[in-house]
Amino acid sequence: GAGEQFSSGFVGANPNSKIPALIDHDGPKSNSIAIMESGAIMLYLAEKYQRFIPHDARERCECLQWLFWQVGGQGPMTGNFGHFKVYAPDHEVEARDYGVARYGMEVQRLCS
């Protein structure tokens, strides 16, 4: 429900109180492990199940580059653009317009 990411149980899984987080009760050596951040979760699951990431070094490198591009560029920039476009207060016109222009241009660059 709303605000659950601030509960002590969720903070135990992700001290940053952000979604997503994962607790794998069948982690390494059959111990539980808490994992935060989408890229870390994706990499953990891909390695655990030996799927989705190529074994060939060149192909693995290319795959990981795209994963890091998404978590370090495309994800944050589209999130920032969406925030300014949808949630910026109406009375903060200059700030809203700056954010929409700044992050809009970056999203166009990343996705073209």
Protein backbone atom coordinates (compact mmCIF):
# COMPACT_ATOMS: atom_id res chain seq x y z
CA GLY A 1 0.00 0.00 0.00
CA ALA A 2 0.86 3.67 0.01
CA GLY A 3 3.96 4.50 2.03
CA GLU A 4 4.95 0.89 2.72
CA GLN A 5 8.46 1.59 1.44
CA PHE A 6 9.04 3.63 4.59
CA SER A 7 8.18 0.77 6.97
CA SER A 8 10.98 -0.91 8.92
CA GLY A 9 10.52 -4.15 6.97
CA PHE A 10 10.97 -2.47 3.63
CA VAL A 11 13.88 -0.34 4.82
CA GLY A 12 15.54 -3.61 5.82
CA ALA A 13 15.38 -4.64 2.16
CA ASN A 14 16.29 -1.21 0.81
CA PRO A 15 17.79 1.38 3.17
CA ASN A 16 17.08 4.00 0.50
CA SER A 17 13.29 3.43 0.95
CA LYS A 18 12.76 3.22 -2.80
CA ILE A 19 11.04 0.74 -5.04
CA PRO A 20 12.16 -1.74 -6.37
CA ALA A 21 13.67 -4.06 -3.83
CA LEU A 22 13.93 -7.83 -3.68
CA ILE A 23 14.48 -10.32 -0.90
CA ASP A 24 15.54 -13.69 -2.23
CA HIS A 25 15.02 -16.24 0.54
CA ASP A 26 16.92 -18.78 -1.54
CA GLY A 27 20.00 -16.66 -2.13
CA PRO A 28 23.67 -17.61 -2.14
CA LYS A 29 24.45 -20.66 0.03
CA SER A 30 20.67 -20.92 0.72
CA ASN A 31 20.73 -17.69 2.73
CA SER A 32 18.39 -14.75 2.27
CA ILE A 33 19.74 -11.73 0.45
CA ALA A 34 18.24 -8.26 0.05
CA ILE A 35 18.87 -6.48 -3.24
CA MET A 36 17.96 -2.90 -4.15
CA GLU A 37 17.98 -0.95 -7.42
CA SER A 38 16.55 -2.25 -10.68
CA GLY A 39 19.88 -2.87 -12.40
CA ALA A 40 21.30 -4.81 -9.47
CA ILE A 41 18.12 -6.90 -9.24
CA MET A 42 18.18 -7.63 -12.97
CA LEU A 43 21.86 -8.59 -12.91
CA TYR A 44 21.42 -10.76 -9.81
CA LEU A 45 18.47 -12.68 -11.29
CA ALA A 46 20.14 -13.08 -14.69
CA GLU A 47 23.26 -14.51 -13.06
CA LYS A 48 21.34 -16.66 -10.58
CA TYR A 49 19.29 -18.33 -13.31
CA GLN A 50 22.00 -18.16 -16.01
CA ARG A 51 19.62 -16.47 -18.44
CA PHE A 52 19.39 -13.22 -20.39
CA ILE A 53 23.09 -12.30 -20.22
CA PRO A 54 25.33 -13.86 -22.87
CA HIS A 55 28.35 -15.91 -21.83
CA ASP A 56 30.48 -14.68 -24.74
CA ALA A 57 32.65 -11.81 -23.42
CA ARG A 58 31.91 -9.40 -26.28
CA GLU A 59 28.15 -10.04 -26.18
CA ARG A 60 28.12 -9.86 -22.36
CA CYS A 61 29.87 -6.49 -22.50
CA GLU A 62 27.35 -5.14 -25.01
CA CYS A 63 24.43 -6.40 -22.93
CA LEU A 64 25.79 -4.85 -19.72
CA GLN A 65 26.44 -1.54 -21.49
CA TRP A 66 22.75 -1.32 -22.36
CA LEU A 67 21.74 -2.25 -18.81
CA PHE A 68 23.96 0.50 -17.39
CA TRP A 69 22.78 2.95 -20.06
CA GLN A 70 19.23 2.37 -18.89
CA VAL A 71 19.86 2.68 -15.14
CA GLY A 72 22.30 5.60 -15.45
CA GLY A 73 20.76 7.59 -18.27
CA GLN A 74 17.44 6.68 -19.82
CA GLY A 75 15.66 5.79 -16.57
CA PRO A 76 16.65 8.85 -14.54
CA MET A 77 16.26 11.30 -17.42
CA THR A 78 12.78 10.11 -18.40
CA GLY A 79 11.83 10.15 -14.73
CA ASN A 80 13.03 13.73 -14.31
CA PHE A 81 11.26 14.80 -17.50
CA GLY A 82 8.02 13.20 -16.33
CA HIS A 83 8.29 14.86 -12.94
CA PHE A 84 8.63 18.35 -14.36
CA LYS A 85 6.02 17.73 -17.08
CA VAL A 86 3.35 16.28 -14.78
CA TYR A 87 4.06 17.24 -11.16
CA ALA A 88 5.77 20.65 -11.18
CA PRO A 89 3.51 23.20 -9.45
CA ASP A 90 1.55 25.44 -11.80
CA HIS A 91 2.86 28.56 -10.05
CA GLU A 92 6.49 27.53 -10.73
CA VAL A 93 6.30 28.18 -14.47
CA GLU A 94 9.98 29.02 -14.99
CA ALA A 95 11.18 25.99 -13.08
CA ARG A 96 8.70 23.72 -14.84
CA ASP A 97 9.62 25.05 -18.28
CA TYR A 98 13.34 24.74 -17.51
CA GLY A 99 12.95 21.13 -16.35
CA VAL A 100 10.77 20.13 -19.29
CA ALA A 101 13.20 21.70 -21.78
CA ARG A 102 16.36 20.38 -20.09
CA TYR A 103 15.23 16.81 -19.51
CA GLY A 104 13.13 16.71 -22.68
CA MET A 105 16.22 17.42 -24.78
CA GLU A 106 18.19 14.76 -22.92
CA VAL A 107 15.42 12.18 -23.39
CA GLN A 108 15.36 12.96 -27.11
CA ARG A 109 19.14 12.54 -27.28
CA LEU A 110 19.07 9.25 -25.38
CA CYS A 111 16.20 7.77 -27.38
CA SER A 112 17.23 8.85 -30.87
